[in-house]
Amino acid sequence: MSSTTDCTANAIARSRCIIEAILNDLSETYKPVGGGGISKIKQDATWVYTVSISQEERMDLITYTVEMSPKGEVIIKDRKADTESYGR
């Protein structure tokens, strides 16, 4: 996140910071190759986001639980992976 952005300023700034932290984490931790990339990022609750990543014949779902420090730093508390088959 840009050092000029206050992640605690409002809900949009908070979401932006959280999504950028999630994307940075995915770049480091998500290793499957192929597929169509990220198809959706959904906020399920205030501090819970699910990323949908299209793969051949399945959708990988990575659910993040995060929190924000008083200084506006995003902390990833938990990451859970799941898969939905397209079921032909």
N, C-alpha and C. Protein backbone atom coordinates (compact mmCIF):
# COMPACT_ATOMS: atom_id res chain seq x y z
N MET A 1 0.84 -1.17 0.00
CA MET A 1 0.00 0.00 0.00
C MET A 1 0.88 1.23 0.00
N SER A 2 0.45 2.20 -0.71
CA SER A 2 1.20 3.46 -0.76
C SER A 2 1.31 4.07 0.62
N SER A 3 2.47 4.64 0.91
CA SER A 3 2.67 5.24 2.22
C SER A 3 1.80 6.48 2.42
N THR A 4 1.18 6.98 1.34
CA THR A 4 0.32 8.15 1.48
C THR A 4 -1.13 7.77 1.77
N THR A 5 -1.45 6.49 1.72
CA THR A 5 -2.81 6.04 1.96
C THR A 5 -2.99 5.66 3.42
N ASP A 6 -4.02 6.24 4.05
CA ASP A 6 -4.36 5.89 5.42
C ASP A 6 -5.39 4.77 5.36
N CYS A 7 -4.97 3.57 5.69
CA CYS A 7 -5.85 2.40 5.59
C CYS A 7 -7.00 2.44 6.58
N THR A 8 -6.95 3.32 7.55
CA THR A 8 -8.03 3.43 8.53
C THR A 8 -8.96 4.60 8.23
N ALA A 9 -8.74 5.30 7.12
CA ALA A 9 -9.51 6.52 6.82
C ALA A 9 -11.00 6.25 6.65
N ASN A 10 -11.34 5.18 5.92
CA ASN A 10 -12.75 4.85 5.67
C ASN A 10 -12.81 3.41 5.15
N ALA A 11 -14.03 2.95 4.88
CA ALA A 11 -14.22 1.55 4.47
C ALA A 11 -13.55 1.24 3.14
N ILE A 12 -13.56 2.17 2.20
CA ILE A 12 -12.93 1.93 0.90
C ILE A 12 -11.42 1.80 1.05
N ALA A 13 -10.82 2.70 1.81
CA ALA A 13 -9.37 2.64 2.05
C ALA A 13 -9.00 1.34 2.76
N ARG A 14 -9.82 0.94 3.74
CA ARG A 14 -9.55 -0.31 4.46
C ARG A 14 -9.62 -1.50 3.50
N SER A 15 -10.67 -1.55 2.68
CA SER A 15 -10.81 -2.66 1.72
C SER A 15 -9.65 -2.69 0.75
N ARG A 16 -9.25 -1.53 0.26
CA ARG A 16 -8.13 -1.46 -0.69
C ARG A 16 -6.86 -2.02 -0.06
N CYS A 17 -6.57 -1.63 1.15
CA CYS A 17 -5.37 -2.12 1.83
C CYS A 17 -5.43 -3.62 2.05
N ILE A 18 -6.60 -4.11 2.45
CA ILE A 18 -6.76 -5.55 2.68
C ILE A 18 -6.59 -6.33 1.39
N ILE A 19 -7.22 -5.87 0.31
CA ILE A 19 -7.12 -6.57 -0.97
C ILE A 19 -5.68 -6.56 -1.47
N GLU A 20 -4.98 -5.45 -1.33
CA GLU A 20 -3.57 -5.41 -1.75
C GLU A 20 -2.72 -6.37 -0.92
N ALA A 21 -2.99 -6.48 0.37
CA ALA A 21 -2.25 -7.43 1.21
C ALA A 21 -2.54 -8.87 0.79
N ILE A 22 -3.79 -9.15 0.46
CA ILE A 22 -4.16 -10.49 0.00
C ILE A 22 -3.48 -10.80 -1.33
N LEU A 23 -3.48 -9.86 -2.26
CA LEU A 23 -2.83 -10.09 -3.55
C LEU A 23 -1.33 -10.32 -3.38
N ASN A 24 -0.71 -9.57 -2.50
CA ASN A 24 0.72 -9.78 -2.22
C ASN A 24 0.96 -11.17 -1.65
N ASP A 25 0.08 -11.60 -0.73
CA ASP A 25 0.22 -12.93 -0.14
C ASP A 25 0.03 -14.02 -1.20
N LEU A 26 -0.98 -13.86 -2.06
CA LEU A 26 -1.20 -14.85 -3.12
C LEU A 26 0.00 -14.95 -4.05
N SER A 27 0.61 -13.83 -4.36
CA SER A 27 1.79 -13.84 -5.24
C SER A 27 2.91 -14.68 -4.65
N GLU A 28 2.99 -14.70 -3.34
CA GLU A 28 4.05 -15.45 -2.66
C GLU A 28 3.67 -16.90 -2.35
N THR A 29 2.38 -17.18 -2.17
CA THR A 29 1.98 -18.49 -1.65
C THR A 29 1.21 -19.38 -2.61
N TYR A 30 0.56 -18.82 -3.63
CA TYR A 30 -0.28 -19.62 -4.53
C TYR A 30 0.56 -20.09 -5.71
N LYS A 31 0.76 -21.38 -5.81
CA LYS A 31 1.70 -21.92 -6.80
C LYS A 31 1.09 -22.62 -8.01
N PRO A 32 -0.18 -23.04 -8.02
CA PRO A 32 -0.68 -23.74 -9.21
C PRO A 32 -0.57 -22.86 -10.46
N VAL A 33 -0.16 -23.49 -11.56
CA VAL A 33 -0.04 -22.76 -12.81
C VAL A 33 -1.20 -23.12 -13.72
N GLY A 34 -1.45 -22.31 -14.71
CA GLY A 34 -2.54 -22.57 -15.64
C GLY A 34 -3.81 -21.91 -15.16
N GLY A 35 -4.89 -22.20 -15.84
CA GLY A 35 -6.16 -21.63 -15.46
C GLY A 35 -6.32 -20.20 -15.92
N GLY A 36 -7.37 -19.57 -15.43
CA GLY A 36 -7.73 -18.24 -15.92
C GLY A 36 -7.42 -17.10 -14.98
N GLY A 37 -6.77 -17.36 -13.88
CA GLY A 37 -6.43 -16.29 -12.94
C GLY A 37 -7.56 -15.98 -11.98
N ILE A 38 -7.45 -14.85 -11.32
CA ILE A 38 -8.45 -14.44 -10.31
C ILE A 38 -9.73 -14.04 -11.02
N SER A 39 -10.83 -14.66 -10.64
CA SER A 39 -12.12 -14.32 -11.23
C SER A 39 -12.99 -13.48 -10.30
N LYS A 40 -12.68 -13.53 -8.97
CA LYS A 40 -13.52 -12.77 -8.04
C LYS A 40 -12.80 -12.62 -6.71
N ILE A 41 -12.97 -11.45 -6.09
CA ILE A 41 -12.57 -11.22 -4.71
C ILE A 41 -13.82 -10.72 -4.01
N LYS A 42 -14.27 -11.47 -3.00
CA LYS A 42 -15.53 -11.15 -2.33
C LYS A 42 -15.30 -10.93 -0.84
N GLN A 43 -15.87 -9.86 -0.32
CA GLN A 43 -15.84 -9.63 1.12
C GLN A 43 -17.04 -10.36 1.72
N ASP A 44 -16.76 -11.39 2.52
CA ASP A 44 -17.81 -12.21 3.12
C ASP A 44 -18.29 -11.63 4.45
N ALA A 45 -17.40 -10.95 5.14
CA ALA A 45 -17.68 -10.29 6.42
C ALA A 45 -16.64 -9.18 6.55
N THR A 46 -16.74 -8.38 7.59
CA THR A 46 -15.84 -7.24 7.73
C THR A 46 -14.38 -7.63 7.57
N TRP A 47 -13.98 -8.73 8.15
CA TRP A 47 -12.57 -9.14 8.16
C TRP A 47 -12.32 -10.46 7.44
N VAL A 48 -13.27 -10.89 6.59
CA VAL A 48 -13.14 -12.16 5.87
C VAL A 48 -13.36 -11.92 4.37
N TYR A 49 -12.39 -12.34 3.57
CA TYR A 49 -12.45 -12.19 2.12
C TYR A 49 -12.18 -13.54 1.48
N THR A 50 -12.87 -13.83 0.36
CA THR A 50 -12.63 -15.04 -0.40
C THR A 50 -12.20 -14.67 -1.81
N VAL A 51 -11.10 -15.28 -2.25
CA VAL A 51 -10.58 -15.08 -3.59
C VAL A 51 -10.89 -16.34 -4.40
N SER A 52 -11.52 -16.17 -5.56
CA SER A 52 -11.82 -17.28 -6.46
C SER A 52 -10.83 -17.25 -7.61
N ILE A 53 -10.17 -18.39 -7.84
CA ILE A 53 -9.16 -18.49 -8.89
C ILE A 53 -9.56 -19.63 -9.82
N SER A 54 -9.81 -19.29 -11.09
CA SER A 54 -10.23 -20.28 -12.08
C SER A 54 -9.08 -21.19 -12.46
N GLN A 55 -9.34 -22.47 -12.41
CA GLN A 55 -8.40 -23.48 -12.88
C GLN A 55 -9.17 -24.41 -13.81
N GLU A 56 -8.46 -25.27 -14.52
CA GLU A 56 -9.14 -26.19 -15.41
C GLU A 56 -10.05 -27.11 -14.60
N GLU A 57 -11.33 -27.09 -14.92
CA GLU A 57 -12.35 -27.95 -14.33
C GLU A 57 -12.58 -27.74 -12.84
N ARG A 58 -12.09 -26.62 -12.28
CA ARG A 58 -12.34 -26.35 -10.86
C ARG A 58 -12.13 -24.87 -10.57
N MET A 59 -12.61 -24.48 -9.41
CA MET A 59 -12.40 -23.14 -8.89
C MET A 59 -11.69 -23.29 -7.56
N ASP A 60 -10.50 -22.70 -7.43
CA ASP A 60 -9.80 -22.69 -6.15
C ASP A 60 -10.32 -21.50 -5.35
N LEU A 61 -10.68 -21.74 -4.11
CA LEU A 61 -11.20 -20.70 -3.22
C LEU A 61 -10.24 -20.53 -2.05
N ILE A 62 -9.71 -19.34 -1.90
CA ILE A 62 -8.79 -19.05 -0.81
C ILE A 62 -9.49 -18.03 0.08
N THR A 63 -9.78 -18.42 1.31
CA THR A 63 -10.48 -17.54 2.25
C THR A 63 -9.49 -17.00 3.27
N TYR A 64 -9.47 -15.69 3.36
CA TYR A 64 -8.57 -14.98 4.27
C TYR A 64 -9.36 -14.36 5.42
N THR A 65 -8.84 -14.51 6.62
CA THR A 65 -9.32 -13.77 7.78
C THR A 65 -8.19 -12.81 8.14
N VAL A 66 -8.53 -11.54 8.23
CA VAL A 66 -7.51 -10.51 8.48
C VAL A 66 -7.94 -9.63 9.65
N GLU A 67 -7.00 -8.82 10.10
CA GLU A 67 -7.32 -7.75 11.04
C GLU A 67 -6.42 -6.58 10.69
N MET A 68 -6.73 -5.43 11.26
CA MET A 68 -5.94 -4.24 10.99
C MET A 68 -5.42 -3.68 12.30
N SER A 69 -4.14 -3.38 12.32
CA SER A 69 -3.54 -2.79 13.51
C SER A 69 -4.00 -1.34 13.63
N PRO A 70 -3.86 -0.74 14.81
CA PRO A 70 -4.23 0.67 14.97
C PRO A 70 -3.47 1.59 14.01
N LYS A 71 -2.31 1.15 13.55
CA LYS A 71 -1.52 1.95 12.61
C LYS A 71 -1.94 1.72 11.16
N GLY A 72 -2.92 0.85 10.94
CA GLY A 72 -3.41 0.59 9.60
C GLY A 72 -2.68 -0.50 8.85
N GLU A 73 -1.93 -1.33 9.54
CA GLU A 73 -1.23 -2.45 8.91
C GLU A 73 -2.15 -3.67 8.88
N VAL A 74 -2.25 -4.30 7.72
CA VAL A 74 -3.08 -5.49 7.57
C VAL A 74 -2.31 -6.70 8.08
N ILE A 75 -2.98 -7.48 8.93
CA ILE A 75 -2.40 -8.71 9.48
C ILE A 75 -3.26 -9.88 9.00
N ILE A 76 -2.64 -10.82 8.30
CA ILE A 76 -3.36 -12.01 7.86
C ILE A 76 -3.36 -13.00 9.01
N LYS A 77 -4.56 -13.26 9.56
CA LYS A 77 -4.70 -14.15 10.71
C LYS A 77 -4.83 -15.61 10.28
N ASP A 78 -5.50 -15.83 9.12
CA ASP A 78 -5.76 -17.20 8.70
C ASP A 78 -5.96 -17.22 7.19
N ARG A 79 -5.58 -18.33 6.57
CA ARG A 79 -5.78 -18.56 5.14
C ARG A 79 -6.24 -20.00 4.98
N LYS A 80 -7.39 -20.21 4.36
CA LYS A 80 -7.90 -21.56 4.14
C LYS A 80 -8.17 -21.75 2.65
N ALA A 81 -7.74 -22.90 2.14
CA ALA A 81 -7.94 -23.21 0.73
C ALA A 81 -9.02 -24.27 0.59
N ASP A 82 -9.84 -24.11 -0.44
CA ASP A 82 -10.88 -25.08 -0.76
C ASP A 82 -10.98 -25.14 -2.29
N THR A 83 -11.69 -26.14 -2.78
CA THR A 83 -11.86 -26.29 -4.22
C THR A 83 -13.30 -26.64 -4.53
N GLU A 84 -13.85 -26.02 -5.57
CA GLU A 84 -15.16 -26.39 -6.10
C GLU A 84 -14.95 -26.94 -7.50
N SER A 85 -15.46 -28.15 -7.74
CA SER A 85 -15.37 -28.73 -9.08
C SER A 85 -16.49 -28.18 -9.94
N TYR A 86 -16.22 -28.07 -11.23
CA TYR A 86 -17.25 -27.60 -12.16
C TYR A 86 -18.26 -28.69 -12.46
N GLY A 87 -17.92 -29.95 -12.17
CA GLY A 87 -18.84 -31.07 -12.29
C GLY A 87 -19.49 -31.21 -13.65
N ARG A 88 -18.79 -31.81 -14.54
CA ARG A 88 -19.32 -31.99 -15.90
C ARG A 88 -20.24 -33.16 -15.97
